[in-house]
């Protein structure tokens, strides 16, 4: 098993480089714990995004902003939506322009997330 950590997602090259530097100095489990701490902070910020009024008013409907969550696997952390159409909103489609949530918020607050991960590793 390689100790190199990769991050798949355009625009996150600095994040990937930071993780690679950490992976050289800490175990992969501890590095993943640190990424999870940063991801938790990211999800908390996502959940605080304003919720534009939806056209859907049926009982049991959950706004997409309320569905942001993270999932930890053996090899990484995934942050995303609880609705199937989340990636369509983020990246757009042939018939709809992108209405990104993840990338703009991450770019705006990435130093805060990096700091949270650093604190998790180095105390």
C-alpha atoms as a PDB file:
ATOM      1  CA  UNK A   1       0.000   0.000   0.000  1.00  0.00           C
ATOM      2  CA  UNK A   2       1.379   3.360  -1.017  1.00  0.00           C
ATOM      3  CA  UNK A   3       1.510   6.181   1.492  1.00  0.00           C
ATOM      4  CA  UNK A   4       0.882   8.731  -1.250  1.00  0.00           C
ATOM      5  CA  UNK A   5      -2.473  10.458  -1.024  1.00  0.00           C
ATOM      6  CA  UNK A   6      -4.135  11.756  -4.151  1.00  0.00           C
ATOM      7  CA  UNK A   7      -7.100  14.059  -4.403  1.00  0.00           C
ATOM      8  CA  UNK A   8      -9.308  13.942  -7.443  1.00  0.00           C
ATOM      9  CA  UNK A   9     -11.037  17.181  -8.284  1.00  0.00           C
ATOM     10  CA  UNK A  10     -10.088  20.082 -10.514  1.00  0.00           C
ATOM     11  CA  UNK A  11      -8.913  23.239  -8.800  1.00  0.00           C
ATOM     12  CA  UNK A  12      -7.630  21.518  -5.667  1.00  0.00           C
ATOM     13  CA  UNK A  13      -3.968  21.125  -6.652  1.00  0.00           C
ATOM     14  CA  UNK A  14      -2.688  23.061  -3.616  1.00  0.00           C
ATOM     15  CA  UNK A  15      -4.747  20.808  -1.377  1.00  0.00           C
ATOM     16  CA  UNK A  16      -3.268  17.712  -3.000  1.00  0.00           C
ATOM     17  CA  UNK A  17       0.294  19.042  -2.606  1.00  0.00           C
ATOM     18  CA  UNK A  18      -0.316  19.786   1.074  1.00  0.00           C
ATOM     19  CA  UNK A  19      -1.602  16.273   1.627  1.00  0.00           C
ATOM     20  CA  UNK A  20       1.413  14.767  -0.127  1.00  0.00           C
ATOM     21  CA  UNK A  21       3.753  16.739   2.138  1.00  0.00           C
ATOM     22  CA  UNK A  22       1.898  15.507   5.210  1.00  0.00           C
ATOM     23  CA  UNK A  23       1.849  11.930   3.968  1.00  0.00           C
ATOM     24  CA  UNK A  24       5.638  11.902   3.895  1.00  0.00           C
ATOM     25  CA  UNK A  25       5.749  12.694   7.618  1.00  0.00           C
ATOM     26  CA  UNK A  26       2.740  10.901   9.107  1.00  0.00           C
ATOM     27  CA  UNK A  27       0.968   7.580   8.798  1.00  0.00           C
ATOM     28  CA  UNK A  28      -1.780   7.320   6.207  1.00  0.00           C
ATOM     29  CA  UNK A  29      -4.390   6.794   8.948  1.00  0.00           C
ATOM     30  CA  UNK A  30      -3.358   9.944  10.762  1.00  0.00           C
ATOM     31  CA  UNK A  31      -3.282  11.895   7.497  1.00  0.00           C
ATOM     32  CA  UNK A  32      -6.780  10.648   6.661  1.00  0.00           C
ATOM     33  CA  UNK A  33      -7.942  11.667  10.158  1.00  0.00           C
ATOM     34  CA  UNK A  34      -6.595  15.156   9.453  1.00  0.00           C
ATOM     35  CA  UNK A  35      -8.356  15.338   6.084  1.00  0.00           C
ATOM     36  CA  UNK A  36     -11.556  14.268   7.798  1.00  0.00           C
ATOM     37  CA  UNK A  37     -11.227  17.134  10.292  1.00  0.00           C
ATOM     38  CA  UNK A  38     -10.853  19.631   7.448  1.00  0.00           C
ATOM     39  CA  UNK A  39     -13.735  18.003   5.562  1.00  0.00           C
ATOM     40  CA  UNK A  40     -15.988  18.235   8.628  1.00  0.00           C
ATOM     41  CA  UNK A  41     -15.304  21.962   8.826  1.00  0.00           C
ATOM     42  CA  UNK A  42     -16.026  22.252   5.088  1.00  0.00           C
ATOM     43  CA  UNK A  43     -19.349  20.399   5.420  1.00  0.00           C
ATOM     44  CA  UNK A  44     -20.337  22.582   8.386  1.00  0.00           C
ATOM     45  CA  UNK A  45     -19.725  25.656   6.213  1.00  0.00           C
ATOM     46  CA  UNK A  46     -21.686  24.100   3.329  1.00  0.00           C
ATOM     47  CA  UNK A  47     -24.648  23.430   5.606  1.00  0.00           C
ATOM     48  CA  UNK A  48     -24.672  27.118   6.591  1.00  0.00           C
ATOM     49  CA  UNK A  49     -25.048  28.297   2.978  1.00  0.00           C
ATOM     50  CA  UNK A  50     -28.254  30.228   2.310  1.00  0.00           C
ATOM     51  CA  UNK A  51     -31.104  28.075   1.075  1.00  0.00           C
ATOM     52  CA  UNK A  52     -32.800  29.807  -1.865  1.00  0.00           C
ATOM     53  CA  UNK A  53     -36.538  29.298  -1.919  1.00  0.00           C
ATOM     54  CA  UNK A  54     -37.424  26.127  -3.763  1.00  0.00           C
ATOM     55  CA  UNK A  55     -40.365  25.696  -6.119  1.00  0.00           C
ATOM     56  CA  UNK A  56     -40.984  22.300  -4.513  1.00  0.00           C
ATOM     57  CA  UNK A  57     -43.328  22.468  -1.527  1.00  0.00           C
ATOM     58  CA  UNK A  58     -44.420  18.868  -1.025  1.00  0.00           C
ATOM     59  CA  UNK A  59     -44.152  17.256   2.407  1.00  0.00           C
ATOM     60  CA  UNK A  60     -40.885  15.472   3.078  1.00  0.00           C
ATOM     61  CA  UNK A  61     -38.848  17.569   0.618  1.00  0.00           C
ATOM     62  CA  UNK A  62     -35.309  18.334   1.777  1.00  0.00           C
ATOM     63  CA  UNK A  63     -33.442  21.287   0.278  1.00  0.00           C
ATOM     64  CA  UNK A  64     -30.213  20.258  -1.468  1.00  0.00           C
ATOM     65  CA  UNK A  65     -28.120  22.537   0.762  1.00  0.00           C
ATOM     66  CA  UNK A  66     -29.350  20.543   3.774  1.00  0.00           C
ATOM     67  CA  UNK A  67     -28.030  17.293   2.276  1.00  0.00           C
ATOM     68  CA  UNK A  68     -24.291  18.042   2.216  1.00  0.00           C
ATOM     69  CA  UNK A  69     -22.365  15.306   4.018  1.00  0.00           C
ATOM     70  CA  UNK A  70     -19.053  13.500   4.150  1.00  0.00           C
ATOM     71  CA  UNK A  71     -18.219   9.845   3.854  1.00  0.00           C
ATOM     72  CA  UNK A  72     -14.994   8.241   5.013  1.00  0.00           C
ATOM     73  CA  UNK A  73     -13.764   5.198   3.127  1.00  0.00           C
ATOM     74  CA  UNK A  74     -10.611   3.148   3.658  1.00  0.00           C
ATOM     75  CA  UNK A  75      -8.783   5.276   1.111  1.00  0.00           C
ATOM     76  CA  UNK A  76     -10.273   8.745   1.363  1.00  0.00           C
ATOM     77  CA  UNK A  77     -12.920  11.252   2.291  1.00  0.00           C
ATOM     78  CA  UNK A  78     -15.806  12.134   0.008  1.00  0.00           C
ATOM     79  CA  UNK A  79     -17.787  15.354   0.399  1.00  0.00           C
ATOM     80  CA  UNK A  80     -20.949  15.795  -1.591  1.00  0.00           C
ATOM     81  CA  UNK A  81     -24.706  15.925  -1.801  1.00  0.00           C
ATOM     82  CA  UNK A  82     -27.424  13.603  -0.667  1.00  0.00           C
ATOM     83  CA  UNK A  83     -29.329  14.277  -3.882  1.00  0.00           C
ATOM     84  CA  UNK A  84     -28.480  12.678  -7.222  1.00  0.00           C
ATOM     85  CA  UNK A  85     -28.603  16.007  -9.060  1.00  0.00           C
ATOM     86  CA  UNK A  86     -25.918  17.718  -6.932  1.00  0.00           C
ATOM     87  CA  UNK A  87     -23.138  17.196  -9.501  1.00  0.00           C
ATOM     88  CA  UNK A  88     -25.431  18.586 -12.208  1.00  0.00           C
ATOM     89  CA  UNK A  89     -25.847  21.796 -10.201  1.00  0.00           C
ATOM     90  CA  UNK A  90     -22.114  22.036  -9.505  1.00  0.00           C
ATOM     91  CA  UNK A  91     -20.908  21.439 -13.063  1.00  0.00           C
ATOM     92  CA  UNK A  92     -23.945  22.284 -15.171  1.00  0.00           C
ATOM     93  CA  UNK A  93     -25.420  20.312 -18.034  1.00  0.00           C
ATOM     94  CA  UNK A  94     -26.013  20.921 -21.719  1.00  0.00           C
ATOM     95  CA  UNK A  95     -29.291  22.588 -20.811  1.00  0.00           C
ATOM     96  CA  UNK A  96     -28.347  24.348 -17.563  1.00  0.00           C
ATOM     97  CA  UNK A  97     -25.470  26.562 -16.468  1.00  0.00           C
ATOM     98  CA  UNK A  98     -23.429  25.539 -13.447  1.00  0.00           C
ATOM     99  CA  UNK A  99     -24.568  26.764 -10.029  1.00  0.00           C
ATOM    100  CA  UNK A 100     -21.527  25.700  -8.049  1.00  0.00           C
ATOM    101  CA  UNK A 101     -21.544  25.338  -4.259  1.00  0.00           C
ATOM    102  CA  UNK A 102     -18.519  23.219  -3.362  1.00  0.00           C
ATOM    103  CA  UNK A 103     -15.662  24.755  -5.316  1.00  0.00           C
ATOM    104  CA  UNK A 104     -16.367  28.444  -4.588  1.00  0.00           C
ATOM    105  CA  UNK A 105     -16.788  27.825  -0.849  1.00  0.00           C
ATOM    106  CA  UNK A 106     -13.672  25.649  -0.701  1.00  0.00           C
ATOM    107  CA  UNK A 107     -11.602  28.232  -2.571  1.00  0.00           C
ATOM    108  CA  UNK A 108     -12.861  31.015  -0.304  1.00  0.00           C
ATOM    109  CA  UNK A 109     -12.081  29.162   2.961  1.00  0.00           C
ATOM    110  CA  UNK A 110      -9.309  26.726   2.022  1.00  0.00           C
ATOM    111  CA  UNK A 111      -6.781  28.271   4.430  1.00  0.00           C
ATOM    112  CA  UNK A 112      -9.191  27.624   7.302  1.00  0.00           C
ATOM    113  CA  UNK A 113      -9.505  23.963   6.270  1.00  0.00           C
ATOM    114  CA  UNK A 114      -5.729  23.586   5.836  1.00  0.00           C
ATOM    115  CA  UNK A 115      -5.212  25.052   9.302  1.00  0.00           C
ATOM    116  CA  UNK A 116      -7.731  22.610  10.802  1.00  0.00           C
ATOM    117  CA  UNK A 117      -5.902  19.687   9.171  1.00  0.00           C
ATOM    118  CA  UNK A 118      -2.502  20.958  10.315  1.00  0.00           C
ATOM    119  CA  UNK A 119      -3.758  21.319  13.883  1.00  0.00           C
ATOM    120  CA  UNK A 120      -5.107  17.775  13.745  1.00  0.00           C
ATOM    121  CA  UNK A 121      -1.713  16.392  12.702  1.00  0.00           C
ATOM    122  CA  UNK A 122       0.653  18.493  14.765  1.00  0.00           C
ATOM    123  CA  UNK A 123      -1.565  19.348  17.721  1.00  0.00           C
END
